[in-house]
PDB file of N, CA and C in Angstrom:
ATOM      1  N   MET A   1     -17.505  20.563 -15.818  1.00  0.00           N
ATOM      2  CA  MET A   1     -18.058  19.215 -15.953  1.00  0.00           C
ATOM      3  C   MET A   1     -19.366  19.133 -16.275  1.00  0.00           C
ATOM      4  N   VAL A   2     -20.085  18.065 -16.875  1.00  0.00           N
ATOM      5  CA  VAL A   2     -21.510  17.916 -16.927  1.00  0.00           C
ATOM      6  C   VAL A   2     -21.786  16.910 -16.199  1.00  0.00           C
ATOM      7  N   ALA A   3     -22.984  17.454 -15.392  1.00  0.00           N
ATOM      8  CA  ALA A   3     -23.445  16.610 -14.324  1.00  0.00           C
ATOM      9  C   ALA A   3     -24.710  15.299 -14.957  1.00  0.00           C
ATOM     10  N   ALA A   4     -24.856  14.480 -14.135  1.00  0.00           N
ATOM     11  CA  ALA A   4     -25.933  13.819 -14.387  1.00  0.00           C
ATOM     12  C   ALA A   4     -27.177  14.071 -15.055  1.00  0.00           C
ATOM     13  N   ASP A   5     -27.496  15.376 -14.454  1.00  0.00           N
ATOM     14  CA  ASP A   5     -28.864  16.072 -14.960  1.00  0.00           C
ATOM     15  C   ASP A   5     -28.752  17.137 -16.521  1.00  0.00           C
ATOM     16  N   GLY A   6     -27.351  16.681 -16.678  1.00  0.00           N
ATOM     17  CA  GLY A   6     -27.161  17.186 -18.180  1.00  0.00           C
ATOM     18  C   GLY A   6     -26.833  18.709 -18.033  1.00  0.00           C
ATOM     19  N   LYS A   7     -26.618  19.110 -16.987  1.00  0.00           N
ATOM     20  CA  LYS A   7     -26.025  20.720 -16.808  1.00  0.00           C
ATOM     21  C   LYS A   7     -24.705  20.913 -16.616  1.00  0.00           C
ATOM     22  N   ARG A   8     -24.067  21.655 -16.992  1.00  0.00           N
ATOM     23  CA  ARG A   8     -22.519  22.165 -16.823  1.00  0.00           C
ATOM     24  C   ARG A   8     -22.278  23.047 -15.279  1.00  0.00           C
ATOM     25  N   TYR A   9     -21.630  22.551 -14.528  1.00  0.00           N
ATOM     26  CA  TYR A   9     -21.165  23.036 -13.342  1.00  0.00           C
ATOM     27  C   TYR A   9     -19.653  23.268 -13.281  1.00  0.00           C
ATOM     28  N   LEU A  10     -19.316  24.406 -12.493  1.00  0.00           N
ATOM     29  CA  LEU A  10     -17.848  24.637 -12.242  1.00  0.00           C
ATOM     30  C   LEU A  10     -17.532  23.528 -11.054  1.00  0.00           C
ATOM     31  N   THR A  11     -16.227  22.898 -11.545  1.00  0.00           N
ATOM     32  CA  THR A  11     -15.570  21.983 -10.417  1.00  0.00           C
ATOM     33  C   THR A  11     -14.276  22.298 -10.102  1.00  0.00           C
ATOM     34  N   ASP A  12     -13.737  21.770  -8.913  1.00  0.00           N
ATOM     35  CA  ASP A  12     -12.392  21.908  -8.449  1.00  0.00           C
ATOM     36  C   ASP A  12     -11.930  20.582  -8.920  1.00  0.00           C
ATOM     37  N   CYS A  13     -11.990  19.757 -10.028  1.00  0.00           N
ATOM     38  CA  CYS A  13     -11.491  18.482 -10.310  1.00  0.00           C
ATOM     39  C   CYS A  13     -10.896  18.410 -11.492  1.00  0.00           C
ATOM     40  N   LEU A  14     -10.326  17.330 -11.618  1.00  0.00           N
ATOM     41  CA  LEU A  14      -9.595  16.984 -13.463  1.00  0.00           C
ATOM     42  C   LEU A  14     -10.168  15.912 -13.818  1.00  0.00           C
ATOM     43  N   PRO A  15     -10.592  15.479 -15.045  1.00  0.00           N
ATOM     44  CA  PRO A  15     -10.730  13.941 -15.528  1.00  0.00           C
ATOM     45  C   PRO A  15      -9.322  13.703 -15.427  1.00  0.00           C
ATOM     46  N   GLN A  16      -9.631  12.010 -15.301  1.00  0.00           N
ATOM     47  CA  GLN A  16      -8.214  11.156 -15.198  1.00  0.00           C
ATOM     48  C   GLN A  16      -7.432  11.461 -16.233  1.00  0.00           C
ATOM     49  N   SER A  17      -7.869  11.707 -17.432  1.00  0.00           N
ATOM     50  CA  SER A  17      -6.655  11.852 -18.498  1.00  0.00           C
ATOM     51  C   SER A  17      -5.798  13.267 -18.412  1.00  0.00           C
ATOM     52  N   ASP A  18      -6.382  14.203 -17.888  1.00  0.00           N
ATOM     53  CA  ASP A  18      -5.867  15.627 -17.666  1.00  0.00           C
ATOM     54  C   ASP A  18      -4.923  15.285 -16.086  1.00  0.00           C
ATOM     55  N   MET A  19      -5.376  14.400 -15.156  1.00  0.00           N
ATOM     56  CA  MET A  19      -4.772  14.247 -14.127  1.00  0.00           C
ATOM     57  C   MET A  19      -3.511  13.482 -14.438  1.00  0.00           C
ATOM     58  N   LEU A  20      -3.513  12.410 -15.360  1.00  0.00           N
ATOM     59  CA  LEU A  20      -2.169  11.582 -15.857  1.00  0.00           C
ATOM     60  C   LEU A  20      -1.362  12.702 -16.570  1.00  0.00           C
ATOM     61  N   GLN A  21      -2.032  13.536 -17.182  1.00  0.00           N
ATOM     62  CA  GLN A  21      -0.803  14.591 -17.906  1.00  0.00           C
ATOM     63  C   GLN A  21      -0.188  15.488 -16.742  1.00  0.00           C
ATOM     64  N   LEU A  22      -1.005  15.748 -16.037  1.00  0.00           N
ATOM     65  CA  LEU A  22      -0.537  16.628 -14.793  1.00  0.00           C
ATOM     66  C   LEU A  22       0.631  15.623 -13.760  1.00  0.00           C
ATOM     67  N   VAL A  23       0.327  14.493 -13.688  1.00  0.00           N
ATOM     68  CA  VAL A  23       1.460  13.524 -13.288  1.00  0.00           C
ATOM     69  C   VAL A  23       2.671  13.333 -13.967  1.00  0.00           C
ATOM     70  N   GLU A  24       2.534  13.385 -15.298  1.00  0.00           N
ATOM     71  CA  GLU A  24       3.631  13.135 -16.205  1.00  0.00           C
ATOM     72  C   GLU A  24       4.375  14.495 -16.092  1.00  0.00           C
ATOM     73  N   ALA A  25       3.783  15.331 -16.098  1.00  0.00           N
ATOM     74  CA  ALA A  25       4.616  17.000 -16.192  1.00  0.00           C
ATOM     75  C   ALA A  25       5.397  17.069 -14.763  1.00  0.00           C
ATOM     76  N   THR A  26       4.982  16.152 -13.606  1.00  0.00           N
ATOM     77  CA  THR A  26       5.718  16.601 -12.588  1.00  0.00           C
ATOM     78  C   THR A  26       7.035  16.098 -12.376  1.00  0.00           C
ATOM     79  N   PRO A  27       8.185  16.911 -12.103  1.00  0.00           N
ATOM     80  CA  PRO A  27       9.295  16.166 -12.257  1.00  0.00           C
ATOM     81  C   PRO A  27       9.537  15.471 -10.593  1.00  0.00           C
ATOM     82  N   SER A  28       9.182  14.131 -10.655  1.00  0.00           N
ATOM     83  CA  SER A  28       9.437  13.799  -9.250  1.00  0.00           C
ATOM     84  C   SER A  28       9.849  12.195  -9.695  1.00  0.00           C
ATOM     85  N   HIS A  29      10.316  11.233  -9.013  1.00  0.00           N
ATOM     86  CA  HIS A  29      10.650   9.772  -9.075  1.00  0.00           C
ATOM     87  C   HIS A  29       9.198   9.059  -8.805  1.00  0.00           C
ATOM     88  N   HIS A  30       8.413   9.937  -7.810  1.00  0.00           N
ATOM     89  CA  HIS A  30       6.815   9.105  -7.620  1.00  0.00           C
ATOM     90  C   HIS A  30       5.826   9.628  -8.558  1.00  0.00           C
ATOM     91  N   ALA A  31       5.984  10.164  -9.451  1.00  0.00           N
ATOM     92  CA  ALA A  31       5.041  10.250 -10.717  1.00  0.00           C
ATOM     93  C   ALA A  31       4.448   9.367 -10.990  1.00  0.00           C
ATOM     94  N   MET A  32       5.350   8.127 -11.492  1.00  0.00           N
ATOM     95  CA  MET A  32       4.724   6.852 -12.061  1.00  0.00           C
ATOM     96  C   MET A  32       4.130   5.979 -11.382  1.00  0.00           C
ATOM     97  N   THR A  33       4.600   6.042  -9.763  1.00  0.00           N
ATOM     98  CA  THR A  33       3.881   5.463  -9.024  1.00  0.00           C
ATOM     99  C   THR A  33       2.427   5.921  -8.691  1.00  0.00           C
ATOM    100  N   PHE A  34       2.471   7.503  -8.608  1.00  0.00           N
ATOM    101  CA  PHE A  34       1.093   7.735  -8.401  1.00  0.00           C
ATOM    102  C   PHE A  34       0.109   7.591  -9.918  1.00  0.00           C
ATOM    103  N   ALA A  35       0.806   7.427 -10.826  1.00  0.00           N
ATOM    104  CA  ALA A  35       0.021   7.572 -11.971  1.00  0.00           C
ATOM    105  C   ALA A  35      -0.829   5.963 -12.095  1.00  0.00           C
ATOM    106  N   LYS A  36       0.114   5.059 -11.739  1.00  0.00           N
ATOM    107  CA  LYS A  36      -0.212   3.624 -11.513  1.00  0.00           C
ATOM    108  C   LYS A  36      -1.396   3.422 -10.659  1.00  0.00           C
ATOM    109  N   TRP A  37      -0.984   3.860  -9.215  1.00  0.00           N
ATOM    110  CA  TRP A  37      -2.188   3.827  -8.341  1.00  0.00           C
ATOM    111  C   TRP A  37      -3.345   4.622  -8.782  1.00  0.00           C
ATOM    112  N   LEU A  38      -3.340   5.743  -9.856  1.00  0.00           N
ATOM    113  CA  LEU A  38      -4.728   6.503 -10.179  1.00  0.00           C
ATOM    114  C   LEU A  38      -5.238   5.422 -11.157  1.00  0.00           C
ATOM    115  N   ILE A  39      -4.510   5.007 -11.868  1.00  0.00           N
ATOM    116  CA  ILE A  39      -5.274   4.149 -12.990  1.00  0.00           C
ATOM    117  C   ILE A  39      -5.787   2.857 -12.074  1.00  0.00           C
ATOM    118  N   THR A  40      -5.248   2.195 -11.354  1.00  0.00           N
ATOM    119  CA  THR A  40      -5.458   0.633 -10.754  1.00  0.00           C
ATOM    120  C   THR A  40      -6.648   1.244  -9.562  1.00  0.00           C
ATOM    121  N   GLY A  41      -6.295   2.030  -8.986  1.00  0.00           N
ATOM    122  CA  GLY A  41      -7.481   2.672  -8.209  1.00  0.00           C
ATOM    123  C   GLY A  41      -8.638   2.792  -8.213  1.00  0.00           C
ATOM    124  N   GLU A  42      -8.930   3.278  -9.310  1.00  0.00           N
ATOM    125  CA  GLU A  42     -10.270   3.221  -9.666  1.00  0.00           C
ATOM    126  C   GLU A  42     -11.105   2.009 -10.189  1.00  0.00           C
ATOM    127  N   ASN A  43     -10.304   1.058 -10.724  1.00  0.00           N
ATOM    128  CA  ASN A  43     -10.533  -0.244 -11.208  1.00  0.00           C
ATOM    129  C   ASN A  43     -11.117  -1.410  -9.887  1.00  0.00           C
ATOM    130  N   GLN A  44      -9.853  -0.953  -8.750  1.00  0.00           N
ATOM    131  CA  GLN A  44     -10.080  -1.758  -7.640  1.00  0.00           C
ATOM    132  C   GLN A  44     -11.596  -1.121  -6.712  1.00  0.00           C
ATOM    133  N   LEU A  45     -11.953  -0.091  -6.694  1.00  0.00           N
ATOM    134  CA  LEU A  45     -13.034   0.585  -5.986  1.00  0.00           C
ATOM    135  C   LEU A  45     -14.265   0.266  -6.862  1.00  0.00           C
ATOM    136  N   ASP A  46     -14.245   0.477  -7.992  1.00  0.00           N
ATOM    137  CA  ASP A  46     -15.411  -0.202  -9.014  1.00  0.00           C
ATOM    138  C   ASP A  46     -15.831  -1.687  -8.386  1.00  0.00           C
ATOM    139  N   SER A  47     -14.562  -2.522  -8.611  1.00  0.00           N
ATOM    140  CA  SER A  47     -14.686  -3.986  -8.194  1.00  0.00           C
ATOM    141  C   SER A  47     -15.257  -4.155  -6.884  1.00  0.00           C
ATOM    142  N   LYS A  48     -14.879  -3.331  -6.004  1.00  0.00           N
ATOM    143  CA  LYS A  48     -15.532  -3.583  -4.565  1.00  0.00           C
ATOM    144  C   LYS A  48     -16.664  -3.129  -4.528  1.00  0.00           C
ATOM    145  N   SER A  49     -17.116  -2.116  -5.276  1.00  0.00           N
ATOM    146  CA  SER A  49     -18.782  -1.826  -5.060  1.00  0.00           C
ATOM    147  C   SER A  49     -19.371  -2.419  -5.857  1.00  0.00           C
ATOM    148  N   ARG A  50     -18.831  -3.066  -6.847  1.00  0.00           N
ATOM    149  CA  ARG A  50     -19.855  -4.286  -7.442  1.00  0.00           C
ATOM    150  C   ARG A  50     -19.970  -5.434  -6.640  1.00  0.00           C
ATOM    151  N   ASP A  51     -18.746  -5.952  -6.316  1.00  0.00           N
ATOM    152  CA  ASP A  51     -18.990  -6.951  -5.034  1.00  0.00           C
ATOM    153  C   ASP A  51     -20.086  -6.763  -4.026  1.00  0.00           C
ATOM    154  N   LYS A  52     -20.172  -5.754  -3.504  1.00  0.00           N
ATOM    155  CA  LYS A  52     -20.922  -5.496  -2.516  1.00  0.00           C
ATOM    156  C   LYS A  52     -22.082  -5.189  -3.024  1.00  0.00           C
ATOM    157  N   ALA A  53     -22.234  -4.793  -4.154  1.00  0.00           N
ATOM    158  CA  ALA A  53     -23.809  -4.881  -4.304  1.00  0.00           C
ATOM    159  C   ALA A  53     -24.429  -6.191  -4.758  1.00  0.00           C
ATOM    160  N   TYR A  54     -23.509  -7.199  -5.459  1.00  0.00           N
ATOM    161  CA  TYR A  54     -23.961  -8.478  -5.486  1.00  0.00           C
ATOM    162  C   TYR A  54     -24.086  -9.110  -4.106  1.00  0.00           C
ATOM    163  N   GLN A  55     -23.427  -8.957  -3.116  1.00  0.00           N
ATOM    164  CA  GLN A  55     -23.695  -9.722  -2.007  1.00  0.00           C
ATOM    165  C   GLN A  55     -25.081  -8.995  -1.050  1.00  0.00           C
ATOM    166  N   LEU A  56     -25.597  -7.941  -1.510  1.00  0.00           N
ATOM    167  CA  LEU A  56     -26.469  -7.258  -1.014  1.00  0.00           C
ATOM    168  C   LEU A  56     -27.721  -7.937  -1.812  1.00  0.00           C
ATOM    169  N   TRP A  57     -27.540  -8.112  -2.934  1.00  0.00           N
ATOM    170  CA  TRP A  57     -28.684  -8.537  -3.883  1.00  0.00           C
ATOM    171  C   TRP A  57     -28.974  -9.879  -3.852  1.00  0.00           C
ATOM    172  N   ASP A  58     -27.576 -10.800  -3.180  1.00  0.00           N
ATOM    173  CA  ASP A  58     -27.851 -12.198  -3.110  1.00  0.00           C
ATOM    174  C   ASP A  58     -28.604 -12.524  -1.657  1.00  0.00           C
ATOM    175  N   SER A  59     -28.217 -11.367  -0.859  1.00  0.00           N
ATOM    176  CA  SER A  59     -28.757 -11.958   0.504  1.00  0.00           C
ATOM    177  C   SER A  59     -30.215 -11.663   0.537  1.00  0.00           C
ATOM    178  N   SER A  60     -30.564 -12.012   1.966  1.00  0.00           N
ATOM    179  CA  SER A  60     -32.294 -11.826   2.139  1.00  0.00           C
ATOM    180  C   SER A  60     -32.562 -10.482   2.504  1.00  0.00           C
ATOM    181  N   LEU A  61     -31.635  -9.674   2.862  1.00  0.00           N
ATOM    182  CA  LEU A  61     -31.825  -8.178   3.532  1.00  0.00           C
ATOM    183  C   LEU A  61     -33.046  -7.395   2.374  1.00  0.00           C
ATOM    184  N   LEU A  62     -32.662  -7.534   1.078  1.00  0.00           N
ATOM    185  CA  LEU A  62     -33.690  -6.975  -0.009  1.00  0.00           C
ATOM    186  C   LEU A  62     -35.057  -7.215   0.237  1.00  0.00           C
ATOM    187  N   GLN A  63     -35.257  -8.603   0.635  1.00  0.00           N
ATOM    188  CA  GLN A  63     -36.749  -9.114   0.811  1.00  0.00           C
ATOM    189  C   GLN A  63     -37.438  -8.639   2.183  1.00  0.00           C
ATOM    190  N   THR A  64     -36.421  -8.172   3.279  1.00  0.00           N
ATOM    191  CA  THR A  64     -37.303  -7.712   4.271  1.00  0.00           C
ATOM    192  C   THR A  64     -37.410  -6.200   4.295  1.00  0.00           C
ATOM    193  N   ILE A  65     -37.155  -5.286   3.021  1.00  0.00           N
ATOM    194  CA  ILE A  65     -37.452  -4.078   3.179  1.00  0.00           C
ATOM    195  C   ILE A  65     -38.713  -3.625   2.147  1.00  0.00           C
ATOM    196  N   GLU A  66     -39.883  -3.067   2.488  1.00  0.00           N
ATOM    197  CA  GLU A  66     -40.907  -2.442   1.716  1.00  0.00           C
ATOM    198  C   GLU A  66     -40.377  -1.427   0.947  1.00  0.00           C
ATOM    199  N   VAL A  67     -40.625  -1.663  -0.280  1.00  0.00           N
ATOM    200  CA  VAL A  67     -40.355  -0.512  -1.132  1.00  0.00           C
ATOM    201  C   VAL A  67     -41.013   0.775  -0.551  1.00  0.00           C
ATOM    202  N   GLY A  68     -40.606   1.852  -0.946  1.00  0.00           N
ATOM    203  CA  GLY A  68     -40.942   3.263  -0.351  1.00  0.00           C
ATOM    204  C   GLY A  68     -40.844   3.226   0.908  1.00  0.00           C
ATOM    205  N   THR A  69     -40.182   2.520   1.762  1.00  0.00           N
ATOM    206  CA  THR A  69     -40.257   2.905   3.354  1.00  0.00           C
ATOM    207  C   THR A  69     -38.498   2.787   3.464  1.00  0.00           C
ATOM    208  N   TYR A  70     -38.352   3.477   4.534  1.00  0.00           N
ATOM    209  CA  TYR A  70     -36.696   3.624   5.300  1.00  0.00           C
ATOM    210  C   TYR A  70     -36.781   3.610   6.481  1.00  0.00           C
ATOM    211  N   GLU A  71     -35.985   3.378   6.936  1.00  0.00           N
ATOM    212  CA  GLU A  71     -35.458   3.108   8.609  1.00  0.00           C
ATOM    213  C   GLU A  71     -34.337   4.012   8.961  1.00  0.00           C
ATOM    214  N   ILE A  72     -34.384   4.505   9.875  1.00  0.00           N
ATOM    215  CA  ILE A  72     -33.035   5.391  10.601  1.00  0.00           C
ATOM    216  C   ILE A  72     -32.744   4.619  11.655  1.00  0.00           C
ATOM    217  N   HIS A  73     -31.120   4.527  11.512  1.00  0.00           N
ATOM    218  CA  HIS A  73     -30.306   3.636  12.312  1.00  0.00           C
ATOM    219  C   HIS A  73     -29.528   4.674  13.055  1.00  0.00           C
ATOM    220  N   TYR A  74     -29.871   5.223  14.224  1.00  0.00           N
ATOM    221  CA  TYR A  74     -29.096   6.095  14.877  1.00  0.00           C
ATOM    222  C   TYR A  74     -28.295   5.396  16.149  1.00  0.00           C
ATOM    223  N   ARG A  75     -26.753   5.684  15.798  1.00  0.00           N
ATOM    224  CA  ARG A  75     -25.877   5.048  16.900  1.00  0.00           C
ATOM    225  C   ARG A  75     -25.446   6.474  17.280  1.00  0.00           C
ATOM    226  N   PRO A  76     -25.421   6.692  18.475  1.00  0.00           N
ATOM    227  CA  PRO A  76     -24.941   7.885  19.535  1.00  0.00           C
ATOM    228  C   PRO A  76     -23.214   7.802  19.612  1.00  0.00           C
ATOM    229  N   TYR A  77     -22.694   8.882  19.265  1.00  0.00           N
ATOM    230  CA  TYR A  77     -21.280   8.589  19.624  1.00  0.00           C
ATOM    231  C   TYR A  77     -20.935   8.273  21.218  1.00  0.00           C
ATOM    232  N   SER A  78     -19.931   7.531  21.279  1.00  0.00           N
ATOM    233  CA  SER A  78     -19.622   7.250  22.697  1.00  0.00           C
ATOM    234  C   SER A  78     -18.440   8.173  22.986  1.00  0.00           C
TER     235      SER A  78
END
């Protein structure tokens, strides 16, 4: 696969189109259910991420953070 930096790296994954072909070739009555989940799941995750980003943008939190700084919140395990 081609990474964000333009280089090609070996991966252990499939593009969505190939995954759908693999699911279609699988002899199981659950194959189509999985294919529908695969297609709609990505859209739902993108939608949730977008909603969270808009919530952060609309909140006053961004105004309290100075650009170029960071703060580490450490929560020890109980």
